């Protein structure tokens, strides 16, 4: 991610969430990363990194499968 002065609003929010969980440095240095944030009554929020791609999604279960709703990738 970029620094906060040039970051998009979404990148700033993602960074703030990672910082609150003390995982911002891990996220920046990891090739693969996964964080699941539980916040009832809302659907779990998942932030993932796979190489240069970042995915942010809410998940729900349908017929035993985890479904993304919605998913944003950067």
PDB file of N, CA and C in Angstrom:
ATOM      1  N   UNK A   1       0.840  -1.176   0.000  1.00  0.00           N
ATOM      2  CA  UNK A   1       0.000   0.000   0.000  1.00  0.00           C
ATOM      3  C   UNK A   1       0.884   1.237   0.000  1.00  0.00           C
ATOM      4  N   UNK A   2       0.284   2.340  -0.375  1.00  0.00           N
ATOM      5  CA  UNK A   2       1.029   3.586  -0.416  1.00  0.00           C
ATOM      6  C   UNK A   2       0.895   4.307   0.906  1.00  0.00           C
ATOM      7  N   UNK A   3       1.647   5.409   1.057  1.00  0.00           N
ATOM      8  CA  UNK A   3       1.530   6.142   2.306  1.00  0.00           C
ATOM      9  C   UNK A   3       0.202   6.879   2.361  1.00  0.00           C
ATOM     10  N   UNK A   4      -0.187   7.327   3.548  1.00  0.00           N
ATOM     11  CA  UNK A   4      -1.519   7.893   3.742  1.00  0.00           C
ATOM     12  C   UNK A   4      -1.745   9.188   2.974  1.00  0.00           C
ATOM     13  N   UNK A   5      -0.695   9.926   2.624  1.00  0.00           N
ATOM     14  CA  UNK A   5      -0.890  11.188   1.932  1.00  0.00           C
ATOM     15  C   UNK A   5      -1.303  10.977   0.483  1.00  0.00           C
ATOM     16  N   UNK A   6      -0.970   9.825  -0.103  1.00  0.00           N
ATOM     17  CA  UNK A   6      -1.337   9.557  -1.487  1.00  0.00           C
ATOM     18  C   UNK A   6      -2.267   8.356  -1.629  1.00  0.00           C
ATOM     19  N   UNK A   7      -2.642   7.742  -0.528  1.00  0.00           N
ATOM     20  CA  UNK A   7      -3.463   6.531  -0.564  1.00  0.00           C
ATOM     21  C   UNK A   7      -4.917   6.871  -0.874  1.00  0.00           C
ATOM     22  N   UNK A   8      -5.584   5.927  -1.523  1.00  0.00           N
ATOM     23  CA  UNK A   8      -7.012   6.071  -1.761  1.00  0.00           C
ATOM     24  C   UNK A   8      -7.753   5.935  -0.438  1.00  0.00           C
ATOM     25  N   UNK A   9      -8.999   6.415  -0.370  1.00  0.00           N
ATOM     26  CA  UNK A   9      -9.759   6.243   0.878  1.00  0.00           C
ATOM     27  C   UNK A   9      -9.873   4.774   1.306  1.00  0.00           C
ATOM     28  N   UNK A  10     -10.060   3.858   0.362  1.00  0.00           N
ATOM     29  CA  UNK A  10     -10.174   2.436   0.713  1.00  0.00           C
ATOM     30  C   UNK A  10      -8.855   1.905   1.260  1.00  0.00           C
ATOM     31  N   UNK A  11      -7.734   2.282   0.655  1.00  0.00           N
ATOM     32  CA  UNK A  11      -6.432   1.839   1.158  1.00  0.00           C
ATOM     33  C   UNK A  11      -6.206   2.356   2.575  1.00  0.00           C
ATOM     34  N   UNK A  12      -6.641   3.577   2.846  1.00  0.00           N
ATOM     35  CA  UNK A  12      -6.503   4.147   4.187  1.00  0.00           C
ATOM     36  C   UNK A  12      -7.328   3.364   5.197  1.00  0.00           C
ATOM     37  N   UNK A  13      -8.552   2.993   4.832  1.00  0.00           N
ATOM     38  CA  UNK A  13      -9.417   2.213   5.726  1.00  0.00           C
ATOM     39  C   UNK A  13      -8.812   0.836   5.992  1.00  0.00           C
ATOM     40  N   UNK A  14      -8.334   0.178   4.932  1.00  0.00           N
ATOM     41  CA  UNK A  14      -7.717  -1.144   5.102  1.00  0.00           C
ATOM     42  C   UNK A  14      -6.512  -1.041   6.028  1.00  0.00           C
ATOM     43  N   UNK A  15      -5.680  -0.045   5.808  1.00  0.00           N
ATOM     44  CA  UNK A  15      -4.495   0.135   6.647  1.00  0.00           C
ATOM     45  C   UNK A  15      -4.897   0.384   8.100  1.00  0.00           C
ATOM     46  N   UNK A  16      -5.937   1.185   8.324  1.00  0.00           N
ATOM     47  CA  UNK A  16      -6.396   1.452   9.692  1.00  0.00           C
ATOM     48  C   UNK A  16      -6.875   0.173  10.388  1.00  0.00           C
ATOM     49  N   UNK A  17      -7.607  -0.670   9.657  1.00  0.00           N
ATOM     50  CA  UNK A  17      -8.076  -1.945  10.223  1.00  0.00           C
ATOM     51  C   UNK A  17      -6.879  -2.828  10.576  1.00  0.00           C
ATOM     52  N   UNK A  18      -5.912  -2.913   9.665  1.00  0.00           N
ATOM     53  CA  UNK A  18      -4.723  -3.728   9.926  1.00  0.00           C
ATOM     54  C   UNK A  18      -3.939  -3.195  11.115  1.00  0.00           C
ATOM     55  N   UNK A  19      -3.827  -1.884  11.225  1.00  0.00           N
ATOM     56  CA  UNK A  19      -3.115  -1.270  12.338  1.00  0.00           C
ATOM     57  C   UNK A  19      -3.816  -1.558  13.666  1.00  0.00           C
ATOM     58  N   UNK A  20      -5.157  -1.509  13.671  1.00  0.00           N
ATOM     59  CA  UNK A  20      -5.911  -1.803  14.888  1.00  0.00           C
ATOM     60  C   UNK A  20      -5.678  -3.233  15.372  1.00  0.00           C
ATOM     61  N   UNK A  21      -5.369  -4.135  14.444  1.00  0.00           N
ATOM     62  CA  UNK A  21      -5.102  -5.533  14.790  1.00  0.00           C
ATOM     63  C   UNK A  21      -3.597  -5.803  14.900  1.00  0.00           C
ATOM     64  N   UNK A  22      -2.784  -4.750  14.865  1.00  0.00           N
ATOM     65  CA  UNK A  22      -1.331  -4.856  14.985  1.00  0.00           C
ATOM     66  C   UNK A  22      -0.734  -5.745  13.886  1.00  0.00           C
ATOM     67  N   UNK A  23      -1.300  -5.634  12.665  1.00  0.00           N
ATOM     68  CA  UNK A  23      -0.841  -6.482  11.567  1.00  0.00           C
ATOM     69  C   UNK A  23      -0.415  -5.697  10.328  1.00  0.00           C
ATOM     70  N   UNK A  24      -0.290  -4.377  10.426  1.00  0.00           N
ATOM     71  CA  UNK A  24       0.060  -3.567   9.259  1.00  0.00           C
ATOM     72  C   UNK A  24       1.435  -3.946   8.705  1.00  0.00           C
ATOM     73  N   UNK A  25       2.427  -4.093   9.568  1.00  0.00           N
ATOM     74  CA  UNK A  25       3.773  -4.452   9.104  1.00  0.00           C
ATOM     75  C   UNK A  25       3.798  -5.859   8.507  1.00  0.00           C
ATOM     76  N   UNK A  26       3.099  -6.782   9.134  1.00  0.00           N
ATOM     77  CA  UNK A  26       3.031  -8.150   8.609  1.00  0.00           C
ATOM     78  C   UNK A  26       2.396  -8.148   7.225  1.00  0.00           C
ATOM     79  N   UNK A  27       1.301  -7.397   7.061  1.00  0.00           N
ATOM     80  CA  UNK A  27       0.619  -7.302   5.769  1.00  0.00           C
ATOM     81  C   UNK A  27       1.565  -6.764   4.702  1.00  0.00           C
ATOM     82  N   UNK A  28       2.313  -5.718   5.035  1.00  0.00           N
ATOM     83  CA  UNK A  28       3.213  -5.080   4.063  1.00  0.00           C
ATOM     84  C   UNK A  28       4.345  -6.007   3.638  1.00  0.00           C
ATOM     85  N   UNK A  29       4.830  -6.841   4.541  1.00  0.00           N
ATOM     86  CA  UNK A  29       5.990  -7.678   4.229  1.00  0.00           C
ATOM     87  C   UNK A  29       5.626  -9.069   3.716  1.00  0.00           C
ATOM     88  N   UNK A  30       4.392  -9.491   3.894  1.00  0.00           N
ATOM     89  CA  UNK A  30       3.997 -10.859   3.524  1.00  0.00           C
ATOM     90  C   UNK A  30       3.598 -10.955   2.052  1.00  0.00           C
ATOM     91  N   UNK A  31       3.943 -12.072   1.442  1.00  0.00           N
ATOM     92  CA  UNK A  31       3.469 -12.355   0.087  1.00  0.00           C
ATOM     93  C   UNK A  31       2.024 -12.837   0.149  1.00  0.00           C
ATOM     94  N   UNK A  32       1.711 -13.638   1.158  1.00  0.00           N
ATOM     95  CA  UNK A  32       0.352 -14.131   1.383  1.00  0.00           C
ATOM     96  C   UNK A  32      -0.068 -13.752   2.794  1.00  0.00           C
ATOM     97  N   UNK A  33      -1.280 -13.250   2.916  1.00  0.00           N
ATOM     98  CA  UNK A  33      -1.774 -12.739   4.188  1.00  0.00           C
ATOM     99  C   UNK A  33      -3.276 -12.959   4.250  1.00  0.00           C
ATOM    100  N   UNK A  34      -3.788 -13.198   5.468  1.00  0.00           N
ATOM    101  CA  UNK A  34      -5.227 -13.409   5.662  1.00  0.00           C
ATOM    102  C   UNK A  34      -5.623 -12.882   7.038  1.00  0.00           C
ATOM    103  N   UNK A  35      -6.648 -12.033   7.070  1.00  0.00           N
ATOM    104  CA  UNK A  35      -7.208 -11.553   8.331  1.00  0.00           C
ATOM    105  C   UNK A  35      -8.729 -11.633   8.230  1.00  0.00           C
ATOM    106  N   UNK A  36      -9.347 -12.292   9.199  1.00  0.00           N
ATOM    107  CA  UNK A  36     -10.804 -12.379   9.289  1.00  0.00           C
ATOM    108  C   UNK A  36     -11.237 -11.577  10.512  1.00  0.00           C
ATOM    109  N   UNK A  37     -12.102 -10.583  10.296  1.00  0.00           N
ATOM    110  CA  UNK A  37     -12.573  -9.718  11.372  1.00  0.00           C
ATOM    111  C   UNK A  37     -14.043 -10.039  11.640  1.00  0.00           C
ATOM    112  N   UNK A  38     -14.320 -10.514  12.845  1.00  0.00           N
ATOM    113  CA  UNK A  38     -15.689 -10.800  13.271  1.00  0.00           C
ATOM    114  C   UNK A  38     -16.243  -9.547  13.949  1.00  0.00           C
ATOM    115  N   UNK A  39     -17.433  -9.110  13.544  1.00  0.00           N
ATOM    116  CA  UNK A  39     -18.044  -7.913  14.112  1.00  0.00           C
ATOM    117  C   UNK A  39     -19.568  -8.070  14.069  1.00  0.00           C
ATOM    118  N   UNK A  40     -20.122  -8.986  14.902  1.00  0.00           N
ATOM    119  CA  UNK A  40     -21.569  -9.206  14.884  1.00  0.00           C
ATOM    120  C   UNK A  40     -22.327  -7.908  15.154  1.00  0.00           C
ATOM    121  N   UNK A  41     -23.438  -7.701  14.522  1.00  0.00           N
ATOM    122  CA  UNK A  41     -24.226  -8.635  13.716  1.00  0.00           C
ATOM    123  C   UNK A  41     -23.861  -8.620  12.234  1.00  0.00           C
ATOM    124  N   UNK A  42     -22.762  -7.963  11.861  1.00  0.00           N
ATOM    125  CA  UNK A  42     -22.378  -7.881  10.452  1.00  0.00           C
ATOM    126  C   UNK A  42     -21.680  -9.146  10.000  1.00  0.00           C
ATOM    127  N   UNK A  43     -21.632  -9.348   8.674  1.00  0.00           N
ATOM    128  CA  UNK A  43     -20.919 -10.493   8.122  1.00  0.00           C
ATOM    129  C   UNK A  43     -19.425 -10.321   8.370  1.00  0.00           C
ATOM    130  N   UNK A  44     -18.682 -11.417   8.538  1.00  0.00           N
ATOM    131  CA  UNK A  44     -17.239 -11.314   8.730  1.00  0.00           C
ATOM    132  C   UNK A  44     -16.572 -10.595   7.551  1.00  0.00           C
ATOM    133  N   UNK A  45     -15.594  -9.770   7.859  1.00  0.00           N
ATOM    134  CA  UNK A  45     -14.812  -9.065   6.848  1.00  0.00           C
ATOM    135  C   UNK A  45     -13.470  -9.765   6.728  1.00  0.00           C
ATOM    136  N   UNK A  46     -13.060 -10.061   5.500  1.00  0.00           N
ATOM    137  CA  UNK A  46     -11.793 -10.750   5.270  1.00  0.00           C
ATOM    138  C   UNK A  46     -10.911  -9.873   4.386  1.00  0.00           C
ATOM    139  N   UNK A  47      -9.683  -9.659   4.842  1.00  0.00           N
ATOM    140  CA  UNK A  47      -8.680  -8.933   4.071  1.00  0.00           C
ATOM    141  C   UNK A  47      -7.590  -9.934   3.743  1.00  0.00           C
ATOM    142  N   UNK A  48      -7.296 -10.095   2.442  1.00  0.00           N
ATOM    143  CA  UNK A  48      -6.282 -11.059   2.006  1.00  0.00           C
ATOM    144  C   UNK A  48      -5.307 -10.384   1.057  1.00  0.00           C
ATOM    145  N   UNK A  49      -4.114 -10.923   1.047  1.00  0.00           N
ATOM    146  CA  UNK A  49      -3.105 -10.491   0.083  1.00  0.00           C
ATOM    147  C   UNK A  49      -2.489 -11.738  -0.523  1.00  0.00           C
ATOM    148  N   UNK A  50      -2.444 -11.746  -1.849  1.00  0.00           N
ATOM    149  CA  UNK A  50      -1.789 -12.824  -2.597  1.00  0.00           C
ATOM    150  C   UNK A  50      -0.879 -12.144  -3.610  1.00  0.00           C
ATOM    151  N   UNK A  51       0.398 -12.059  -3.279  1.00  0.00           N
ATOM    152  CA  UNK A  51       1.329 -11.329  -4.131  1.00  0.00           C
ATOM    153  C   UNK A  51       0.974  -9.852  -4.135  1.00  0.00           C
ATOM    154  N   UNK A  52       0.744  -9.296  -5.326  1.00  0.00           N
ATOM    155  CA  UNK A  52       0.405  -7.880  -5.454  1.00  0.00           C
ATOM    156  C   UNK A  52      -1.095  -7.624  -5.400  1.00  0.00           C
ATOM    157  N   UNK A  53      -1.905  -8.680  -5.313  1.00  0.00           N
ATOM    158  CA  UNK A  53      -3.363  -8.519  -5.300  1.00  0.00           C
ATOM    159  C   UNK A  53      -3.882  -8.502  -3.861  1.00  0.00           C
ATOM    160  N   UNK A  54      -4.726  -7.516  -3.567  1.00  0.00           N
ATOM    161  CA  UNK A  54      -5.375  -7.394  -2.266  1.00  0.00           C
ATOM    162  C   UNK A  54      -6.863  -7.594  -2.464  1.00  0.00           C
ATOM    163  N   UNK A  55      -7.467  -8.424  -1.627  1.00  0.00           N
ATOM    164  CA  UNK A  55      -8.896  -8.714  -1.691  1.00  0.00           C
ATOM    165  C   UNK A  55      -9.542  -8.327  -0.369  1.00  0.00           C
ATOM    166  N   UNK A  56     -10.680  -7.649  -0.460  1.00  0.00           N
ATOM    167  CA  UNK A  56     -11.464  -7.287   0.715  1.00  0.00           C
ATOM    168  C   UNK A  56     -12.881  -7.762   0.448  1.00  0.00           C
ATOM    169  N   UNK A  57     -13.432  -8.577   1.351  1.00  0.00           N
ATOM    170  CA  UNK A  57     -14.760  -9.141   1.108  1.00  0.00           C
ATOM    171  C   UNK A  57     -15.480  -9.436   2.418  1.00  0.00           C
ATOM    172  N   UNK A  58     -16.791  -9.372   2.352  1.00  0.00           N
ATOM    173  CA  UNK A  58     -17.641  -9.901   3.412  1.00  0.00           C
ATOM    174  C   UNK A  58     -18.011 -11.320   2.992  1.00  0.00           C
ATOM    175  N   UNK A  59     -18.095 -12.225   3.951  1.00  0.00           N
ATOM    176  CA  UNK A  59     -18.427 -13.622   3.653  1.00  0.00           C
ATOM    177  C   UNK A  59     -19.667 -14.060   4.408  1.00  0.00           C
ATOM    178  N   UNK A  60     -20.456 -14.922   3.762  1.00  0.00           N
ATOM    179  CA  UNK A  60     -21.569 -15.596   4.423  1.00  0.00           C
ATOM    180  C   UNK A  60     -21.569 -17.042   3.956  1.00  0.00           C
ATOM    181  N   UNK A  61     -22.250 -17.890   4.705  1.00  0.00           N
ATOM    182  CA  UNK A  61     -22.315 -19.309   4.354  1.00  0.00           C
ATOM    183  C   UNK A  61     -23.607 -19.597   3.592  1.00  0.00           C
ATOM    184  N   UNK A  62     -23.491 -20.367   2.508  1.00  0.00           N
ATOM    185  CA  UNK A  62     -24.649 -20.789   1.722  1.00  0.00           C
ATOM    186  C   UNK A  62     -24.421 -22.237   1.314  1.00  0.00           C
ATOM    187  N   UNK A  63     -25.293 -23.126   1.758  1.00  0.00           N
ATOM    188  CA  UNK A  63     -25.184 -24.553   1.451  1.00  0.00           C
ATOM    189  C   UNK A  63     -23.807 -25.108   1.814  1.00  0.00           C
ATOM    190  N   UNK A  64     -23.235 -24.623   2.922  1.00  0.00           N
ATOM    191  CA  UNK A  64     -21.948 -25.112   3.378  1.00  0.00           C
ATOM    192  C   UNK A  64     -20.740 -24.477   2.713  1.00  0.00           C
ATOM    193  N   UNK A  65     -20.965 -23.556   1.779  1.00  0.00           N
ATOM    194  CA  UNK A  65     -19.864 -22.893   1.081  1.00  0.00           C
ATOM    195  C   UNK A  65     -19.740 -21.444   1.545  1.00  0.00           C
ATOM    196  N   UNK A  66     -18.512 -20.952   1.650  1.00  0.00           N
ATOM    197  CA  UNK A  66     -18.280 -19.540   1.970  1.00  0.00           C
ATOM    198  C   UNK A  66     -18.479 -18.722   0.698  1.00  0.00           C
ATOM    199  N   UNK A  67     -19.380 -17.740   0.770  1.00  0.00           N
ATOM    200  CA  UNK A  67     -19.703 -16.898  -0.384  1.00  0.00           C
ATOM    201  C   UNK A  67     -19.260 -15.468  -0.096  1.00  0.00           C
ATOM    202  N   UNK A  68     -18.644 -14.818  -1.091  1.00  0.00           N
ATOM    203  CA  UNK A  68     -18.219 -13.428  -0.952  1.00  0.00           C
ATOM    204  C   UNK A  68     -19.361 -12.507  -1.363  1.00  0.00           C
ATOM    205  N   UNK A  69     -19.587 -11.450  -0.579  1.00  0.00           N
ATOM    206  CA  UNK A  69     -20.655 -10.509  -0.928  1.00  0.00           C
ATOM    207  C   UNK A  69     -20.430  -9.172  -0.249  1.00  0.00           C
ATOM    208  N   UNK A  70     -19.931  -8.200  -0.898  1.00  0.00           N
ATOM    209  CA  UNK A  70     -19.240  -8.219  -2.194  1.00  0.00           C
ATOM    210  C   UNK A  70     -17.752  -8.482  -1.975  1.00  0.00           C
ATOM    211  N   UNK A  71     -17.009  -8.559  -3.074  1.00  0.00           N
ATOM    212  CA  UNK A  71     -15.550  -8.665  -3.012  1.00  0.00           C
ATOM    213  C   UNK A  71     -14.951  -7.547  -3.859  1.00  0.00           C
ATOM    214  N   UNK A  72     -13.951  -6.889  -3.309  1.00  0.00           N
ATOM    215  CA  UNK A  72     -13.193  -5.873  -4.051  1.00  0.00           C
ATOM    216  C   UNK A  72     -11.756  -6.353  -4.130  1.00  0.00           C
ATOM    217  N   UNK A  73     -11.155  -6.244  -5.296  1.00  0.00           N
ATOM    218  CA  UNK A  73      -9.742  -6.607  -5.435  1.00  0.00           C
ATOM    219  C   UNK A  73      -8.981  -5.397  -5.987  1.00  0.00           C
ATOM    220  N   UNK A  74      -7.762  -5.270  -5.502  1.00  0.00           N
ATOM    221  CA  UNK A  74      -6.892  -4.170  -5.927  1.00  0.00           C
ATOM    222  C   UNK A  74      -5.563  -4.716  -6.364  1.00  0.00           C
TER     223      UNK A  74
END
